[in-house]
Amino acid sequence: MFLGFQITFVTSSLRSNTVMRTWFLCKVKYAKENEEGLLKNVSEQYLVDAVSFTEAEARIYDMLGSVIRGDFQVTSISKSNIVDVFFFDDVDVWHKCKITYIVADADSGKEKKVTQYMLVTAHNVKEAYDRIYESLNNMLVSFNVPDVSESQIVEIFPYEKDDEELNPAIPDNLKPLSEDQNESENVGENQP
């Protein structure tokens, strides 16, 4: 655990260019082969970006089906309190960072403490703290990082636009809304 450092940044936006994701924590149980070649039952945690519990379950089965030999069981799926994930290529160890900051309520003017949790890859807690500091350098408000700890999460599966199972082909009788709007605009231009 890494406690008690205050960080202050002022920039033009409060992470406005990021997409809001919904993360689901999936616990998976299966028989894993250890160094001696013996099978041992293990339970591992994975984080999946999905729009529903059903999609999270489908994605975790799809993602792990080709990786895990033999049968596996998804024993639990729960909505996660993680709001953002920062991946660095040099390491696979995930650290959970607690971020707190104060915002003023627009209507009443009262200050409110906001707590958010984020994940970052790092070799150790100190590096995780430094990386979360670096990743959040565009925050508009002062924030505090009161807690950084190593996470049990083995792997994270973010939504990718190229995921074929998440982007099925558009049926022939349907067309994208953007094309329909363009046709409507063109029809109005051709009328006298």
C-alpha atoms as a PDB file:
ATOM      1  CA  MET A   1       0.000   0.000   0.000  1.00  0.00           C
ATOM      2  CA  PHE A   2       1.271   3.491  -0.894  1.00  0.00           C
ATOM      3  CA  LEU A   3      -0.276   6.290   1.134  1.00  0.00           C
ATOM      4  CA  GLY A   4      -0.613  10.033   1.376  1.00  0.00           C
ATOM      5  CA  PHE A   5       0.635  11.962  -1.642  1.00  0.00           C
ATOM      6  CA  GLN A   6      -1.197  15.028  -2.946  1.00  0.00           C
ATOM      7  CA  ILE A   7      -1.048  15.860  -6.662  1.00  0.00           C
ATOM      8  CA  THR A   8      -2.348  19.051  -8.232  1.00  0.00           C
ATOM      9  CA  PHE A   9      -2.966  19.622 -11.962  1.00  0.00           C
ATOM     10  CA  VAL A  10      -4.871  22.243 -13.897  1.00  0.00           C
ATOM     11  CA  THR A  11      -5.571  21.688 -17.591  1.00  0.00           C
ATOM     12  CA  SER A  12      -8.328  22.382 -20.060  1.00  0.00           C
ATOM     13  CA  SER A  13     -10.425  19.239 -19.674  1.00  0.00           C
ATOM     14  CA  LEU A  14     -11.369  16.582 -17.155  1.00  0.00           C
ATOM     15  CA  ARG A  15     -10.756  13.472 -19.267  1.00  0.00           C
ATOM     16  CA  SER A  16     -13.432  14.533 -21.757  1.00  0.00           C
ATOM     17  CA  ASN A  17     -11.907  12.649 -24.667  1.00  0.00           C
ATOM     18  CA  THR A  18     -12.334   9.186 -23.164  1.00  0.00           C
ATOM     19  CA  VAL A  19     -15.213   6.798 -23.649  1.00  0.00           C
ATOM     20  CA  MET A  20     -17.189   5.801 -20.571  1.00  0.00           C
ATOM     21  CA  ARG A  21     -16.845   2.046 -20.165  1.00  0.00           C
ATOM     22  CA  THR A  22     -18.695  -0.471 -18.041  1.00  0.00           C
ATOM     23  CA  TRP A  23     -16.323  -3.027 -16.574  1.00  0.00           C
ATOM     24  CA  PHE A  24     -17.403  -6.436 -15.262  1.00  0.00           C
ATOM     25  CA  LEU A  25     -15.284  -8.569 -12.951  1.00  0.00           C
ATOM     26  CA  CYS A  26     -15.481 -12.227 -14.011  1.00  0.00           C
ATOM     27  CA  LYS A  27     -14.216 -15.042 -11.795  1.00  0.00           C
ATOM     28  CA  VAL A  28     -13.240 -18.193 -13.670  1.00  0.00           C
ATOM     29  CA  LYS A  29     -12.435 -21.613 -12.217  1.00  0.00           C
ATOM     30  CA  TYR A  30     -10.490 -24.266 -14.133  1.00  0.00           C
ATOM     31  CA  ALA A  31      -7.781 -26.915 -13.825  1.00  0.00           C
ATOM     32  CA  LYS A  32      -4.352 -25.371 -14.527  1.00  0.00           C
ATOM     33  CA  GLU A  33      -1.152 -27.311 -15.091  1.00  0.00           C
ATOM     34  CA  ASN A  34       1.643 -26.333 -12.675  1.00  0.00           C
ATOM     35  CA  GLU A  35       5.438 -26.554 -13.129  1.00  0.00           C
ATOM     36  CA  GLU A  36       5.507 -30.260 -12.168  1.00  0.00           C
ATOM     37  CA  GLY A  37       2.868 -31.100 -14.775  1.00  0.00           C
ATOM     38  CA  LEU A  38       0.121 -31.696 -12.222  1.00  0.00           C
ATOM     39  CA  LEU A  39      -3.358 -30.228 -12.613  1.00  0.00           C
ATOM     40  CA  LYS A  40      -4.473 -27.871  -9.867  1.00  0.00           C
ATOM     41  CA  ASN A  41      -7.868 -26.168  -9.584  1.00  0.00           C
ATOM     42  CA  VAL A  42      -7.445 -22.397  -9.702  1.00  0.00           C
ATOM     43  CA  SER A  43      -9.797 -19.433  -9.616  1.00  0.00           C
ATOM     44  CA  GLU A  44      -8.734 -16.326 -11.560  1.00  0.00           C
ATOM     45  CA  GLN A  45     -10.235 -12.870 -12.043  1.00  0.00           C
ATOM     46  CA  TYR A  46     -10.636 -11.125 -15.393  1.00  0.00           C
ATOM     47  CA  LEU A  47     -11.992  -7.667 -16.194  1.00  0.00           C
ATOM     48  CA  VAL A  48     -14.280  -7.409 -19.236  1.00  0.00           C
ATOM     49  CA  ASP A  49     -15.671  -4.304 -20.935  1.00  0.00           C
ATOM     50  CA  ALA A  50     -19.306  -5.019 -21.844  1.00  0.00           C
ATOM     51  CA  VAL A  51     -22.746  -3.416 -21.916  1.00  0.00           C
ATOM     52  CA  SER A  52     -24.501  -6.137 -19.895  1.00  0.00           C
ATOM     53  CA  PHE A  53     -23.896  -9.181 -17.729  1.00  0.00           C
ATOM     54  CA  THR A  54     -24.942 -11.377 -20.654  1.00  0.00           C
ATOM     55  CA  GLU A  55     -22.403  -9.794 -22.996  1.00  0.00           C
ATOM     56  CA  ALA A  56     -19.697 -10.015 -20.306  1.00  0.00           C
ATOM     57  CA  GLU A  57     -20.356 -13.744 -19.938  1.00  0.00           C
ATOM     58  CA  ALA A  58     -20.347 -14.291 -23.718  1.00  0.00           C
ATOM     59  CA  ARG A  59     -17.114 -12.320 -24.128  1.00  0.00           C
ATOM     60  CA  ILE A  60     -15.288 -14.111 -21.301  1.00  0.00           C
ATOM     61  CA  TYR A  61     -16.256 -17.528 -22.719  1.00  0.00           C
ATOM     62  CA  ASP A  62     -15.175 -16.398 -26.194  1.00  0.00           C
ATOM     63  CA  MET A  63     -11.859 -14.885 -25.028  1.00  0.00           C
ATOM     64  CA  LEU A  64     -10.828 -17.741 -22.733  1.00  0.00           C
ATOM     65  CA  GLY A  65     -12.223 -20.617 -24.804  1.00  0.00           C
ATOM     66  CA  SER A  66      -9.168 -20.650 -27.045  1.00  0.00           C
ATOM     67  CA  VAL A  67      -6.665 -20.028 -24.228  1.00  0.00           C
ATOM     68  CA  ILE A  68      -7.708 -22.471 -21.497  1.00  0.00           C
ATOM     69  CA  ARG A  69      -7.321 -26.153 -22.317  1.00  0.00           C
ATOM     70  CA  GLY A  70     -10.230 -28.224 -21.091  1.00  0.00           C
ATOM     71  CA  ASP A  71     -13.330 -27.113 -19.275  1.00  0.00           C
ATOM     72  CA  PHE A  72     -13.672 -23.905 -17.311  1.00  0.00           C
ATOM     73  CA  GLN A  73     -16.534 -22.349 -15.423  1.00  0.00           C
ATOM     74  CA  VAL A  74     -17.460 -18.698 -14.922  1.00  0.00           C
ATOM     75  CA  THR A  75     -18.366 -18.740 -11.229  1.00  0.00           C
ATOM     76  CA  SER A  76     -19.165 -15.061 -10.754  1.00  0.00           C
ATOM     77  CA  ILE A  77     -19.812 -11.889 -12.733  1.00  0.00           C
ATOM     78  CA  SER A  78     -20.206  -8.551 -10.990  1.00  0.00           C
ATOM     79  CA  LYS A  79     -20.154  -4.939 -12.045  1.00  0.00           C
ATOM     80  CA  SER A  80     -16.779  -3.444 -11.201  1.00  0.00           C
ATOM     81  CA  ASN A  81     -16.109  -0.047  -9.627  1.00  0.00           C
ATOM     82  CA  ILE A  82     -13.165   0.492 -12.023  1.00  0.00           C
ATOM     83  CA  VAL A  83     -13.642   3.655 -14.117  1.00  0.00           C
ATOM     84  CA  ASP A  84     -10.460   3.642 -16.170  1.00  0.00           C
ATOM     85  CA  VAL A  85      -7.599   1.341 -17.177  1.00  0.00           C
ATOM     86  CA  PHE A  86      -4.067   2.362 -18.156  1.00  0.00           C
ATOM     87  CA  PHE A  87      -1.989  -0.307 -19.895  1.00  0.00           C
ATOM     88  CA  PHE A  88       1.790  -0.127 -20.300  1.00  0.00           C
ATOM     89  CA  ASP A  89       3.464  -2.739 -22.543  1.00  0.00           C
ATOM     90  CA  ASP A  90       6.414  -3.614 -20.302  1.00  0.00           C
ATOM     91  CA  VAL A  91       4.558  -5.575 -17.585  1.00  0.00           C
ATOM     92  CA  ASP A  92       1.370  -7.596 -16.984  1.00  0.00           C
ATOM     93  CA  VAL A  93       0.862  -6.932 -13.254  1.00  0.00           C
ATOM     94  CA  TRP A  94      -2.229  -4.813 -12.554  1.00  0.00           C
ATOM     95  CA  HIS A  95      -2.427  -2.368  -9.649  1.00  0.00           C
ATOM     96  CA  LYS A  96      -5.650  -0.877  -8.318  1.00  0.00           C
ATOM     97  CA  CYS A  97      -5.402   2.843  -7.531  1.00  0.00           C
ATOM     98  CA  LYS A  98      -7.865   4.762  -5.398  1.00  0.00           C
ATOM     99  CA  ILE A  99      -8.246   8.347  -6.623  1.00  0.00           C
ATOM    100  CA  THR A 100     -10.089  11.024  -4.635  1.00  0.00           C
ATOM    101  CA  TYR A 101     -10.895  14.610  -5.520  1.00  0.00           C
ATOM    102  CA  ILE A 102     -13.281  17.381  -4.522  1.00  0.00           C
ATOM    103  CA  VAL A 103     -15.895  18.854  -6.867  1.00  0.00           C
ATOM    104  CA  ALA A 104     -18.402  21.636  -6.258  1.00  0.00           C
ATOM    105  CA  ASP A 105     -22.085  20.901  -6.829  1.00  0.00           C
ATOM    106  CA  ALA A 106     -23.317  23.253  -9.586  1.00  0.00           C
ATOM    107  CA  ASP A 107     -26.714  23.841  -7.952  1.00  0.00           C
ATOM    108  CA  SER A 108     -25.943  24.105  -4.242  1.00  0.00           C
ATOM    109  CA  GLY A 109     -22.283  25.117  -4.413  1.00  0.00           C
ATOM    110  CA  LYS A 110     -21.394  22.517  -1.764  1.00  0.00           C
ATOM    111  CA  GLU A 111     -18.188  20.555  -2.119  1.00  0.00           C
ATOM    112  CA  LYS A 112     -18.422  16.820  -2.641  1.00  0.00           C
ATOM    113  CA  LYS A 113     -15.654  14.241  -2.311  1.00  0.00           C
ATOM    114  CA  VAL A 114     -15.495  11.852  -5.275  1.00  0.00           C
ATOM    115  CA  THR A 115     -13.712   8.495  -5.065  1.00  0.00           C
ATOM    116  CA  GLN A 116     -12.815   6.506  -8.173  1.00  0.00           C
ATOM    117  CA  TYR A 117     -10.811   3.358  -8.787  1.00  0.00           C
ATOM    118  CA  MET A 118      -8.471   2.843 -11.720  1.00  0.00           C
ATOM    119  CA  LEU A 119      -6.111   0.095 -12.855  1.00  0.00           C
ATOM    120  CA  VAL A 120      -2.586   0.539 -14.148  1.00  0.00           C
ATOM    121  CA  THR A 121       0.130  -1.955 -15.097  1.00  0.00           C
ATOM    122  CA  ALA A 122       3.415  -1.631 -13.223  1.00  0.00           C
ATOM    123  CA  HIS A 123       6.286  -3.665 -11.762  1.00  0.00           C
ATOM    124  CA  ASN A 124       5.608  -2.443  -8.217  1.00  0.00           C
ATOM    125  CA  VAL A 125       3.417  -0.092  -6.178  1.00  0.00           C
ATOM    126  CA  LYS A 126       5.782   2.884  -6.499  1.00  0.00           C
ATOM    127  CA  GLU A 127       5.847   2.578 -10.287  1.00  0.00           C
ATOM    128  CA  ALA A 128       2.034   2.182 -10.324  1.00  0.00           C
ATOM    129  CA  TYR A 129       1.745   5.428  -8.351  1.00  0.00           C
ATOM    130  CA  ASP A 130       4.080   7.213 -10.785  1.00  0.00           C
ATOM    131  CA  ARG A 131       2.184   5.868 -13.794  1.00  0.00           C
ATOM    132  CA  ILE A 132      -1.243   6.847 -12.475  1.00  0.00           C
ATOM    133  CA  TYR A 133       0.204  10.304 -11.779  1.00  0.00           C
ATOM    134  CA  GLU A 134       1.482  10.450 -15.383  1.00  0.00           C
ATOM    135  CA  SER A 135      -1.783   9.107 -16.854  1.00  0.00           C
ATOM    136  CA  LEU A 136      -3.943  11.626 -15.006  1.00  0.00           C
ATOM    137  CA  ASN A 137      -1.813  14.666 -15.770  1.00  0.00           C
ATOM    138  CA  ASN A 138      -4.687  16.292 -17.688  1.00  0.00           C
ATOM    139  CA  MET A 139      -7.109  16.407 -14.744  1.00  0.00           C
ATOM    140  CA  LEU A 140      -8.724  19.773 -14.131  1.00  0.00           C
ATOM    141  CA  VAL A 141      -8.972  19.336 -10.356  1.00  0.00           C
ATOM    142  CA  SER A 142      -6.544  18.541  -7.565  1.00  0.00           C
ATOM    143  CA  PHE A 143      -6.595  14.882  -6.688  1.00  0.00           C
ATOM    144  CA  ASN A 144      -5.164  12.547  -4.099  1.00  0.00           C
ATOM    145  CA  VAL A 145      -3.948   8.951  -4.475  1.00  0.00           C
ATOM    146  CA  PRO A 146      -4.510   7.523  -0.973  1.00  0.00           C
ATOM    147  CA  ASP A 147      -4.144   3.848  -1.899  1.00  0.00           C
ATOM    148  CA  VAL A 148      -2.323   1.727  -4.474  1.00  0.00           C
ATOM    149  CA  SER A 149      -2.325  -2.067  -4.195  1.00  0.00           C
ATOM    150  CA  GLU A 150      -1.573  -5.037  -6.408  1.00  0.00           C
ATOM    151  CA  SER A 151      -4.717  -6.451  -7.994  1.00  0.00           C
ATOM    152  CA  GLN A 152      -5.806 -10.080  -8.337  1.00  0.00           C
ATOM    153  CA  ILE A 153      -6.910  -9.412 -11.945  1.00  0.00           C
ATOM    154  CA  VAL A 154      -5.034 -11.628 -14.410  1.00  0.00           C
ATOM    155  CA  GLU A 155      -6.070  -9.979 -17.674  1.00  0.00           C
ATOM    156  CA  ILE A 156      -8.308  -7.237 -19.014  1.00  0.00           C
ATOM    157  CA  PHE A 157     -10.457  -7.498 -22.129  1.00  0.00           C
ATOM    158  CA  PRO A 158     -11.432  -4.018 -23.344  1.00  0.00           C
ATOM    159  CA  TYR A 159     -14.009  -3.568 -26.073  1.00  0.00           C
ATOM    160  CA  GLU A 160     -12.308  -3.402 -29.455  1.00  0.00           C
ATOM    161  CA  LYS A 161     -14.076  -2.003 -32.506  1.00  0.00           C
ATOM    162  CA  ASP A 162     -12.675  -4.918 -34.490  1.00  0.00           C
ATOM    163  CA  ASP A 163     -14.351  -7.559 -32.299  1.00  0.00           C
ATOM    164  CA  GLU A 164     -16.457  -9.433 -34.847  1.00  0.00           C
ATOM    165  CA  GLU A 165     -18.843 -10.956 -32.321  1.00  0.00           C
ATOM    166  CA  LEU A 166     -19.647  -7.481 -31.019  1.00  0.00           C
ATOM    167  CA  ASN A 167     -20.122  -5.987 -34.510  1.00  0.00           C
ATOM    168  CA  PRO A 168     -22.336  -8.382 -36.437  1.00  0.00           C
ATOM    169  CA  ALA A 169     -22.942  -7.671 -40.105  1.00  0.00           C
ATOM    170  CA  ILE A 170     -25.767  -5.241 -40.846  1.00  0.00           C
ATOM    171  CA  PRO A 171     -28.715  -7.095 -42.428  1.00  0.00           C
ATOM    172  CA  ASP A 172     -29.501  -6.214 -46.060  1.00  0.00           C
ATOM    173  CA  ASN A 173     -32.860  -4.673 -45.163  1.00  0.00           C
ATOM    174  CA  LEU A 174     -31.221  -2.138 -42.795  1.00  0.00           C
ATOM    175  CA  LYS A 175     -28.786   0.709 -43.366  1.00  0.00           C
ATOM    176  CA  PRO A 176     -26.770   2.918 -40.998  1.00  0.00           C
ATOM    177  CA  LEU A 177     -28.600   5.982 -39.675  1.00  0.00           C
ATOM    178  CA  SER A 178     -25.869   8.284 -41.039  1.00  0.00           C
ATOM    179  CA  GLU A 179     -26.612   7.120 -44.612  1.00  0.00           C
ATOM    180  CA  ASP A 180     -30.334   7.620 -44.081  1.00  0.00           C
ATOM    181  CA  GLN A 181     -29.775  11.173 -42.788  1.00  0.00           C
ATOM    182  CA  ASN A 182     -27.542  12.010 -45.770  1.00  0.00           C
ATOM    183  CA  GLU A 183     -30.249  10.813 -48.184  1.00  0.00           C
ATOM    184  CA  SER A 184     -32.852  12.952 -46.382  1.00  0.00           C
ATOM    185  CA  GLU A 185     -30.640  16.026 -46.657  1.00  0.00           C
ATOM    186  CA  ASN A 186     -29.992  15.377 -50.359  1.00  0.00           C
ATOM    187  CA  VAL A 187     -33.724  14.964 -51.088  1.00  0.00           C
ATOM    188  CA  GLY A 188     -34.427  18.410 -49.551  1.00  0.00           C
ATOM    189  CA  GLU A 189     -31.716  20.049 -51.679  1.00  0.00           C
ATOM    190  CA  ASN A 190     -33.155  18.752 -54.984  1.00  0.00           C
ATOM    191  CA  GLN A 191     -36.648  20.192 -54.410  1.00  0.00           C
ATOM    192  CA  PRO A 192     -37.463  23.679 -55.798  1.00  0.00           C
END
